[in-house]
Amino acid sequence: MRVEAFVCRKPDENREDVYRFLLRRNRRLYGVAYTLDNVGDIYLVGQMALSAVDADEVDRVLGQVLEVVDSDFNALLELGFRSSIQREWQWRLSRGESLQNLQAFAHLRPTTMQSAQRDEKELGG
């Protein structure tokens, strides 16, 4: 039996830090491990012999997938897409757009529009 879950696309930046995070996390996982596909997108995968599969084992492995993706997703986004998240904050603030789904990254929010404009110039926006 094989389980495979897409986690996020190839990081835009800080790839070494992202990969270090994934490798360190792999040490503590049960039945699954982080891997990359041919284009660099991140997946969580696992394999079990059919003879080892029962309802409890399926529950353990799927529970591990849910827990891992839930707990690591925002950290991976921040490591691999920090500049994009900062630009998104700037764009939404400048246009009065909803900030609801950026709340997990509130610590990346510019403190003022002036600093947002300065940051935008520094980020090449």
C-alpha atoms as a PDB file:
ATOM      1  CA  MET A   1       0.000   0.000   0.000  1.00  0.00           C
ATOM      2  CA  ARG A   2       1.256   3.491  -0.816  1.00  0.00           C
ATOM      3  CA  VAL A   3       0.199   6.875   0.535  1.00  0.00           C
ATOM      4  CA  GLU A   4       1.210  10.138  -1.119  1.00  0.00           C
ATOM      5  CA  ALA A   5       0.185  13.667  -0.155  1.00  0.00           C
ATOM      6  CA  PHE A   6       1.155  16.881  -1.947  1.00  0.00           C
ATOM      7  CA  VAL A   7       2.446  19.403   0.605  1.00  0.00           C
ATOM      8  CA  CYS A   8       3.580  22.467  -1.366  1.00  0.00           C
ATOM      9  CA  ARG A   9       5.239  23.509  -4.589  1.00  0.00           C
ATOM     10  CA  LYS A  10       8.971  23.971  -5.055  1.00  0.00           C
ATOM     11  CA  PRO A  11      10.225  26.702  -2.713  1.00  0.00           C
ATOM     12  CA  ASP A  12      11.005  30.070  -4.298  1.00  0.00           C
ATOM     13  CA  GLU A  13      13.799  30.859  -1.839  1.00  0.00           C
ATOM     14  CA  ASN A  14      15.841  29.468   1.062  1.00  0.00           C
ATOM     15  CA  ARG A  15      15.798  25.982  -0.447  1.00  0.00           C
ATOM     16  CA  GLU A  16      18.680  24.796   1.698  1.00  0.00           C
ATOM     17  CA  ASP A  17      16.789  25.769   4.871  1.00  0.00           C
ATOM     18  CA  VAL A  18      13.607  24.118   3.587  1.00  0.00           C
ATOM     19  CA  TYR A  19      15.432  20.880   2.764  1.00  0.00           C
ATOM     20  CA  ARG A  20      17.210  20.900   6.132  1.00  0.00           C
ATOM     21  CA  PHE A  21      13.809  21.286   7.828  1.00  0.00           C
ATOM     22  CA  LEU A  22      12.418  18.343   5.827  1.00  0.00           C
ATOM     23  CA  LEU A  23      15.378  16.064   6.538  1.00  0.00           C
ATOM     24  CA  ARG A  24      15.310  16.813  10.249  1.00  0.00           C
ATOM     25  CA  ARG A  25      11.571  16.263  10.338  1.00  0.00           C
ATOM     26  CA  ASN A  26      11.957  12.906   8.552  1.00  0.00           C
ATOM     27  CA  ARG A  27      13.863  11.571  11.575  1.00  0.00           C
ATOM     28  CA  ARG A  28      10.741  11.816  13.735  1.00  0.00           C
ATOM     29  CA  LEU A  29       8.048  10.586  11.351  1.00  0.00           C
ATOM     30  CA  TYR A  30       6.204   7.279  11.522  1.00  0.00           C
ATOM     31  CA  GLY A  31       5.570   5.401   8.276  1.00  0.00           C
ATOM     32  CA  VAL A  32       6.013   8.418   5.991  1.00  0.00           C
ATOM     33  CA  ALA A  33       8.798  10.731   4.839  1.00  0.00           C
ATOM     34  CA  TYR A  34       9.140  13.992   2.971  1.00  0.00           C
ATOM     35  CA  THR A  35      10.381  13.760  -0.616  1.00  0.00           C
ATOM     36  CA  LEU A  36      10.602  15.872  -3.764  1.00  0.00           C
ATOM     37  CA  ASP A  37       9.216  15.150  -7.210  1.00  0.00           C
ATOM     38  CA  ASN A  38      11.085  15.792 -10.466  1.00  0.00           C
ATOM     39  CA  VAL A  39      10.302  19.533 -10.431  1.00  0.00           C
ATOM     40  CA  GLY A  40      11.059  20.030  -6.731  1.00  0.00           C
ATOM     41  CA  ASP A  41       7.524  20.041  -5.319  1.00  0.00           C
ATOM     42  CA  ILE A  42       7.293  18.638  -1.793  1.00  0.00           C
ATOM     43  CA  TYR A  43       5.331  15.471  -0.998  1.00  0.00           C
ATOM     44  CA  LEU A  44       4.820  13.261   2.019  1.00  0.00           C
ATOM     45  CA  VAL A  45       5.001   9.579   1.033  1.00  0.00           C
ATOM     46  CA  GLY A  46       4.883   6.205   2.695  1.00  0.00           C
ATOM     47  CA  GLN A  47       4.738   2.536   1.756  1.00  0.00           C
ATOM     48  CA  MET A  48       3.654  -0.539   3.666  1.00  0.00           C
ATOM     49  CA  ALA A  49       3.554  -4.188   2.764  1.00  0.00           C
ATOM     50  CA  LEU A  50      -0.031  -5.310   2.263  1.00  0.00           C
ATOM     51  CA  SER A  51       0.551  -8.032   4.834  1.00  0.00           C
ATOM     52  CA  ALA A  52       1.243  -5.304   7.435  1.00  0.00           C
ATOM     53  CA  VAL A  53      -1.893  -3.315   6.638  1.00  0.00           C
ATOM     54  CA  ASP A  54      -4.796  -3.443   9.049  1.00  0.00           C
ATOM     55  CA  ALA A  55      -7.291  -0.810  10.168  1.00  0.00           C
ATOM     56  CA  ASP A  56      -5.118   0.346  13.079  1.00  0.00           C
ATOM     57  CA  GLU A  57      -2.021   0.749  10.910  1.00  0.00           C
ATOM     58  CA  VAL A  58      -3.928   2.681   8.237  1.00  0.00           C
ATOM     59  CA  ASP A  59      -5.294   4.929  10.993  1.00  0.00           C
ATOM     60  CA  ARG A  60      -1.788   5.510  12.411  1.00  0.00           C
ATOM     61  CA  VAL A  61      -0.234   6.346   9.041  1.00  0.00           C
ATOM     62  CA  LEU A  62      -3.074   8.586   7.856  1.00  0.00           C
ATOM     63  CA  GLY A  63      -3.095  10.274  11.259  1.00  0.00           C
ATOM     64  CA  GLN A  64       0.633  10.916  10.869  1.00  0.00           C
ATOM     65  CA  VAL A  65       0.058  12.464   7.428  1.00  0.00           C
ATOM     66  CA  LEU A  66      -2.640  14.767   8.812  1.00  0.00           C
ATOM     67  CA  GLU A  67      -0.599  15.778  11.865  1.00  0.00           C
ATOM     68  CA  VAL A  68       2.597  16.410   9.890  1.00  0.00           C
ATOM     69  CA  VAL A  69       1.058  18.457   7.102  1.00  0.00           C
ATOM     70  CA  ASP A  70      -1.020  20.418   9.609  1.00  0.00           C
ATOM     71  CA  SER A  71       1.933  21.238  11.840  1.00  0.00           C
ATOM     72  CA  ASP A  72       4.590  21.864   9.144  1.00  0.00           C
ATOM     73  CA  PHE A  73       2.701  23.654   6.361  1.00  0.00           C
ATOM     74  CA  ASN A  74       2.993  27.242   7.624  1.00  0.00           C
ATOM     75  CA  ALA A  75       6.651  26.774   8.585  1.00  0.00           C
ATOM     76  CA  LEU A  76       7.430  25.474   5.094  1.00  0.00           C
ATOM     77  CA  LEU A  77       5.592  28.380   3.478  1.00  0.00           C
ATOM     78  CA  GLU A  78       7.423  30.905   5.613  1.00  0.00           C
ATOM     79  CA  LEU A  79      10.813  29.331   4.889  1.00  0.00           C
ATOM     80  CA  GLY A  80      10.292  28.880   1.160  1.00  0.00           C
ATOM     81  CA  PHE A  81       7.981  31.755   0.252  1.00  0.00           C
ATOM     82  CA  ARG A  82       8.670  34.540   2.767  1.00  0.00           C
ATOM     83  CA  SER A  83       9.158  37.263   0.133  1.00  0.00           C
ATOM     84  CA  SER A  84       5.931  36.266  -1.615  1.00  0.00           C
ATOM     85  CA  ILE A  85       4.027  36.386   1.664  1.00  0.00           C
ATOM     86  CA  GLN A  86       5.440  39.834   2.424  1.00  0.00           C
ATOM     87  CA  ARG A  87       4.475  41.082  -1.047  1.00  0.00           C
ATOM     88  CA  GLU A  88       0.986  39.650  -0.562  1.00  0.00           C
ATOM     89  CA  TRP A  89       0.634  41.580   2.716  1.00  0.00           C
ATOM     90  CA  GLN A  90       1.717  44.769   0.966  1.00  0.00           C
ATOM     91  CA  TRP A  91      -0.633  44.259  -1.967  1.00  0.00           C
ATOM     92  CA  ARG A  92      -3.659  43.503   0.192  1.00  0.00           C
ATOM     93  CA  LEU A  93      -3.002  46.351   2.602  1.00  0.00           C
ATOM     94  CA  SER A  94      -2.533  48.865  -0.215  1.00  0.00           C
ATOM     95  CA  ARG A  95      -5.849  47.847  -1.808  1.00  0.00           C
ATOM     96  CA  GLY A  96      -7.926  47.186   1.274  1.00  0.00           C
ATOM     97  CA  GLU A  97      -8.292  43.491   0.439  1.00  0.00           C
ATOM     98  CA  SER A  98      -9.207  40.798   2.962  1.00  0.00           C
ATOM     99  CA  LEU A  99      -6.376  39.749   5.272  1.00  0.00           C
ATOM    100  CA  GLN A 100      -8.181  36.716   6.684  1.00  0.00           C
ATOM    101  CA  ASN A 101      -6.001  33.975   5.243  1.00  0.00           C
ATOM    102  CA  LEU A 102      -2.748  35.806   6.032  1.00  0.00           C
ATOM    103  CA  GLN A 103      -3.303  35.782   9.790  1.00  0.00           C
ATOM    104  CA  ALA A 104      -0.954  32.821  10.279  1.00  0.00           C
ATOM    105  CA  PHE A 105       1.743  35.164   8.992  1.00  0.00           C
ATOM    106  CA  ALA A 106       0.748  38.256  10.963  1.00  0.00           C
ATOM    107  CA  HIS A 107       4.336  38.601  12.187  1.00  0.00           C
ATOM    108  CA  LEU A 108       5.347  39.313   8.554  1.00  0.00           C
ATOM    109  CA  ARG A 109       2.850  42.173   8.218  1.00  0.00           C
ATOM    110  CA  PRO A 110       4.423  45.584   7.571  1.00  0.00           C
ATOM    111  CA  THR A 111       3.926  47.900  10.545  1.00  0.00           C
ATOM    112  CA  THR A 112       2.977  50.905   8.389  1.00  0.00           C
ATOM    113  CA  MET A 113       2.152  51.545   4.766  1.00  0.00           C
ATOM    114  CA  GLN A 114       5.356  53.586   4.520  1.00  0.00           C
ATOM    115  CA  SER A 115       7.409  50.565   5.569  1.00  0.00           C
ATOM    116  CA  ALA A 116       5.308  48.432   3.213  1.00  0.00           C
ATOM    117  CA  GLN A 117       6.243  50.709   0.321  1.00  0.00           C
ATOM    118  CA  ARG A 118       9.925  50.670   1.347  1.00  0.00           C
ATOM    119  CA  ASP A 119       9.848  46.872   1.639  1.00  0.00           C
ATOM    120  CA  GLU A 120       8.166  46.615  -1.756  1.00  0.00           C
ATOM    121  CA  LYS A 121      11.030  48.569  -3.349  1.00  0.00           C
ATOM    122  CA  GLU A 122      13.605  46.373  -1.604  1.00  0.00           C
ATOM    123  CA  LEU A 123      11.810  43.230  -2.781  1.00  0.00           C
ATOM    124  CA  GLY A 124      11.777  44.498  -6.348  1.00  0.00           C
ATOM    125  CA  GLY A 125       8.014  45.116  -6.464  1.00  0.00           C
END
